Amino acid sequence: MSDNMQVTMHGNPLNLLGQEVAVGQAAPDVELLANDLSPVKISDYQGKVVILSVVPSLDTPTCDLQTRRFNSEAANLGDDVAILTVSMDLPFAQARWCGAAGVEAVKTLSDHREAAFGMAYGLLIKELRLLARAVLVLDREGKITYIQRVKELSEEPNYDEVLAAVKKVV
């Protein structure tokens, strides 16, 4: 990834680190932590269509809205679609947030330990050590079929585009 890949937070530029991924490539298979601290790999979900909903922190208003929205959409998508929210939040904070928000259809995964996901997907914000807001769709073989990088961190993704991309591969 070039050093000039940026997002903004309230208009202020932030630099992204890591290797930018592209549609058509296999999703990098990194290890994340589930809420119970067990290791989870992206490849654990092969055979399902996967929505990777990437957020800076669940404890912020936009990330909260994004995760709740995907949780509510899950009922319409069926069991063949797995929705994974990835953030740098500690697994304990993710579990607390999910319990308070009543979110059960979305699985939250933490990249806090090594930022391996952020680096592998080119979404690690250099200045904050948080993940940039993005949504990726993976087909049943684990190939990236759709990427939406949200330029301004305080804005929500275009959910209609994401859902249309999911319907193409379900």
Protein backbone atom coordinates (compact mmCIF):
# COMPACT_ATOMS: atom_id res chain seq x y z
CA MET A 1 0.00 0.00 0.00
CA SER A 2 1.26 3.46 -0.75
CA ASP A 3 1.97 5.76 2.16
CA ASN A 4 -0.57 8.23 0.82
CA MET A 5 -3.60 6.03 1.51
CA GLN A 6 -5.62 8.15 3.89
CA VAL A 7 -8.93 8.53 5.65
CA THR A 8 -10.17 11.52 7.58
CA MET A 9 -11.62 12.03 11.03
CA HIS A 10 -13.71 15.20 11.17
CA GLY A 11 -11.81 16.34 8.08
CA ASN A 12 -8.34 15.74 9.52
CA PRO A 13 -6.21 13.36 7.40
CA LEU A 14 -4.97 10.10 8.90
CA ASN A 15 -2.57 7.62 7.27
CA LEU A 16 -3.30 3.94 6.77
CA LEU A 17 -0.67 1.24 7.21
CA GLY A 18 -0.53 -2.23 5.74
CA GLN A 19 -1.15 -3.95 2.45
CA GLU A 20 -4.20 -2.69 0.58
CA VAL A 21 -6.46 -5.55 -0.55
CA ALA A 22 -8.38 -5.70 -3.82
CA VAL A 23 -11.54 -7.29 -5.17
CA GLY A 24 -10.76 -10.72 -6.63
CA GLN A 25 -7.98 -11.68 -4.25
CA ALA A 26 -8.21 -14.23 -1.48
CA ALA A 27 -8.97 -12.60 1.86
CA PRO A 28 -5.83 -12.58 4.03
CA ASP A 29 -6.28 -15.25 6.69
CA VAL A 30 -5.37 -13.59 9.97
CA GLU A 31 -6.03 -14.63 13.54
CA LEU A 32 -8.33 -12.50 15.68
CA LEU A 33 -9.67 -13.00 19.20
CA ALA A 34 -13.26 -13.85 20.02
CA ASN A 35 -14.92 -12.37 23.11
CA ASP A 36 -13.83 -15.42 25.14
CA LEU A 37 -10.19 -14.90 24.00
CA SER A 38 -10.27 -17.95 21.74
CA PRO A 39 -8.45 -17.57 18.40
CA VAL A 40 -10.63 -17.15 15.31
CA LYS A 41 -9.39 -17.10 11.73
CA ILE A 42 -11.13 -15.59 8.73
CA SER A 43 -10.84 -19.02 7.04
CA ASP A 44 -13.00 -20.51 9.82
CA TYR A 45 -15.95 -19.03 7.91
CA GLN A 46 -15.21 -20.56 4.48
CA GLY A 47 -18.39 -22.06 3.09
CA LYS A 48 -20.38 -19.00 4.15
CA VAL A 49 -20.65 -15.57 2.61
CA VAL A 50 -18.90 -13.20 5.05
CA ILE A 51 -19.52 -9.53 5.72
CA LEU A 52 -16.44 -8.04 7.37
CA SER A 53 -17.68 -4.89 9.09
CA VAL A 54 -14.56 -3.03 10.21
CA VAL A 55 -14.93 -0.23 12.78
CA PRO A 56 -12.57 2.00 14.80
CA SER A 57 -14.34 1.31 18.14
CA LEU A 58 -17.73 -0.05 19.16
CA ASP A 59 -17.88 2.62 21.87
CA THR A 60 -18.37 5.42 19.35
CA PRO A 61 -21.73 6.50 17.91
CA THR A 62 -21.12 5.65 14.23
CA CYS A 63 -19.59 2.24 14.97
CA ASP A 64 -22.50 1.51 17.29
CA LEU A 65 -24.99 2.39 14.53
CA GLN A 66 -23.11 0.37 11.91
CA THR A 67 -22.96 -2.77 14.06
CA ARG A 68 -26.62 -2.50 15.14
CA ARG A 69 -27.67 -2.04 11.51
CA PHE A 70 -25.85 -5.19 10.37
CA ASN A 71 -27.29 -7.05 13.37
CA SER A 72 -30.82 -6.09 12.26
CA GLU A 73 -30.07 -6.98 8.60
CA ALA A 74 -28.81 -10.44 9.63
CA ALA A 75 -32.35 -11.81 9.96
CA ASN A 76 -32.99 -11.07 6.27
CA LEU A 77 -29.71 -12.60 5.11
CA GLY A 78 -30.10 -16.10 6.54
CA ASP A 79 -27.70 -18.67 7.96
CA ASP A 80 -25.44 -18.73 4.89
CA VAL A 81 -24.13 -15.25 5.74
CA ALA A 82 -21.74 -14.59 8.65
CA ILE A 83 -21.36 -11.00 9.86
CA LEU A 84 -18.08 -10.27 11.61
CA THR A 85 -17.36 -6.92 13.20
CA VAL A 86 -13.63 -6.34 13.59
CA SER A 87 -12.16 -3.62 15.81
CA MET A 88 -9.16 -2.93 18.02
CA ASP A 89 -11.41 -2.97 21.11
CA LEU A 90 -10.43 -5.50 23.76
CA PRO A 91 -12.52 -8.69 23.62
CA PHE A 92 -13.96 -7.85 27.06
CA ALA A 93 -15.16 -4.44 25.83
CA GLN A 94 -16.69 -6.07 22.75
CA ALA A 95 -18.57 -8.60 24.90
CA ARG A 96 -19.80 -5.84 27.22
CA TRP A 97 -20.96 -3.73 24.26
CA CYS A 98 -22.77 -6.66 22.59
CA GLY A 99 -24.57 -7.51 25.83
CA ALA A 100 -25.64 -3.91 26.40
CA ALA A 101 -26.72 -3.45 22.77
CA GLY A 102 -28.49 -6.81 22.52
CA VAL A 103 -26.41 -7.71 19.48
CA GLU A 104 -26.42 -11.46 18.90
CA ALA A 105 -26.35 -12.00 15.13
CA VAL A 106 -23.03 -10.23 14.62
CA LYS A 107 -19.82 -11.81 15.93
CA THR A 108 -17.31 -9.28 17.26
CA LEU A 109 -13.62 -10.05 16.84
CA SER A 110 -10.64 -8.16 18.27
CA ASP A 111 -7.45 -7.23 16.43
CA HIS A 112 -5.95 -5.58 19.53
CA ARG A 113 -3.08 -8.01 20.05
CA GLU A 114 -0.96 -7.68 16.92
CA ALA A 115 -3.01 -5.48 14.56
CA ALA A 116 -2.53 -8.36 12.09
CA PHE A 117 -5.92 -7.75 10.46
CA GLY A 118 -5.30 -4.02 10.13
CA MET A 119 -1.91 -4.59 8.50
CA ALA A 120 -3.09 -7.44 6.24
CA TYR A 121 -6.04 -5.41 4.94
CA GLY A 122 -4.37 -1.98 4.81
CA LEU A 123 -6.78 -0.55 7.38
CA LEU A 124 -4.58 0.25 10.39
CA ILE A 125 -4.64 3.97 11.20
CA LYS A 126 -1.03 4.93 11.93
CA GLU A 127 -1.79 7.86 14.21
CA LEU A 128 -4.47 6.15 16.35
CA ARG A 129 -3.70 2.40 16.19
CA LEU A 130 -7.37 1.88 15.37
CA LEU A 131 -8.92 0.34 12.28
CA ALA A 132 -10.40 2.47 9.53
CA ARG A 133 -14.11 2.05 8.77
CA ALA A 134 -14.66 -0.39 5.92
CA VAL A 135 -16.95 -3.20 4.80
CA LEU A 136 -15.78 -6.17 2.77
CA VAL A 137 -17.79 -9.07 1.36
CA LEU A 138 -16.18 -12.49 0.95
CA ASP A 139 -17.66 -15.29 -1.12
CA ARG A 140 -17.94 -18.89 0.12
CA GLU A 141 -14.36 -19.61 -1.00
CA GLY A 142 -12.97 -16.66 0.97
CA LYS A 143 -12.38 -14.42 -2.04
CA ILE A 144 -13.00 -10.67 -1.70
CA THR A 145 -15.95 -9.70 -3.91
CA TYR A 146 -16.64 -6.20 -2.60
CA ILE A 147 -14.77 -3.47 -0.69
CA GLN A 148 -16.12 -0.22 0.66
CA ARG A 149 -13.59 1.99 2.43
CA VAL A 150 -15.35 4.86 4.19
CA LYS A 151 -13.21 7.96 3.64
CA GLU A 152 -14.55 9.96 6.61
CA LEU A 153 -14.51 7.90 9.82
CA SER A 154 -17.54 9.70 11.29
CA GLU A 155 -19.76 8.61 8.36
CA GLU A 156 -21.65 5.34 8.04
CA PRO A 157 -21.07 2.99 5.12
CA ASN A 158 -23.55 2.70 2.25
CA TYR A 159 -25.55 -0.27 3.55
CA ASP A 160 -27.59 -0.70 0.36
CA GLU A 161 -24.40 -1.22 -1.66
CA VAL A 162 -23.13 -3.79 0.85
CA LEU A 163 -26.42 -5.72 0.86
CA ALA A 164 -26.55 -5.70 -2.95
CA ALA A 165 -23.00 -7.10 -3.03
CA VAL A 166 -23.98 -9.85 -0.57
CA LYS A 167 -27.03 -10.83 -2.63
CA LYS A 168 -24.80 -11.31 -5.70
CA VAL A 169 -22.80 -14.06 -3.98
CA VAL A 170 -25.36 -15.74 -1.69
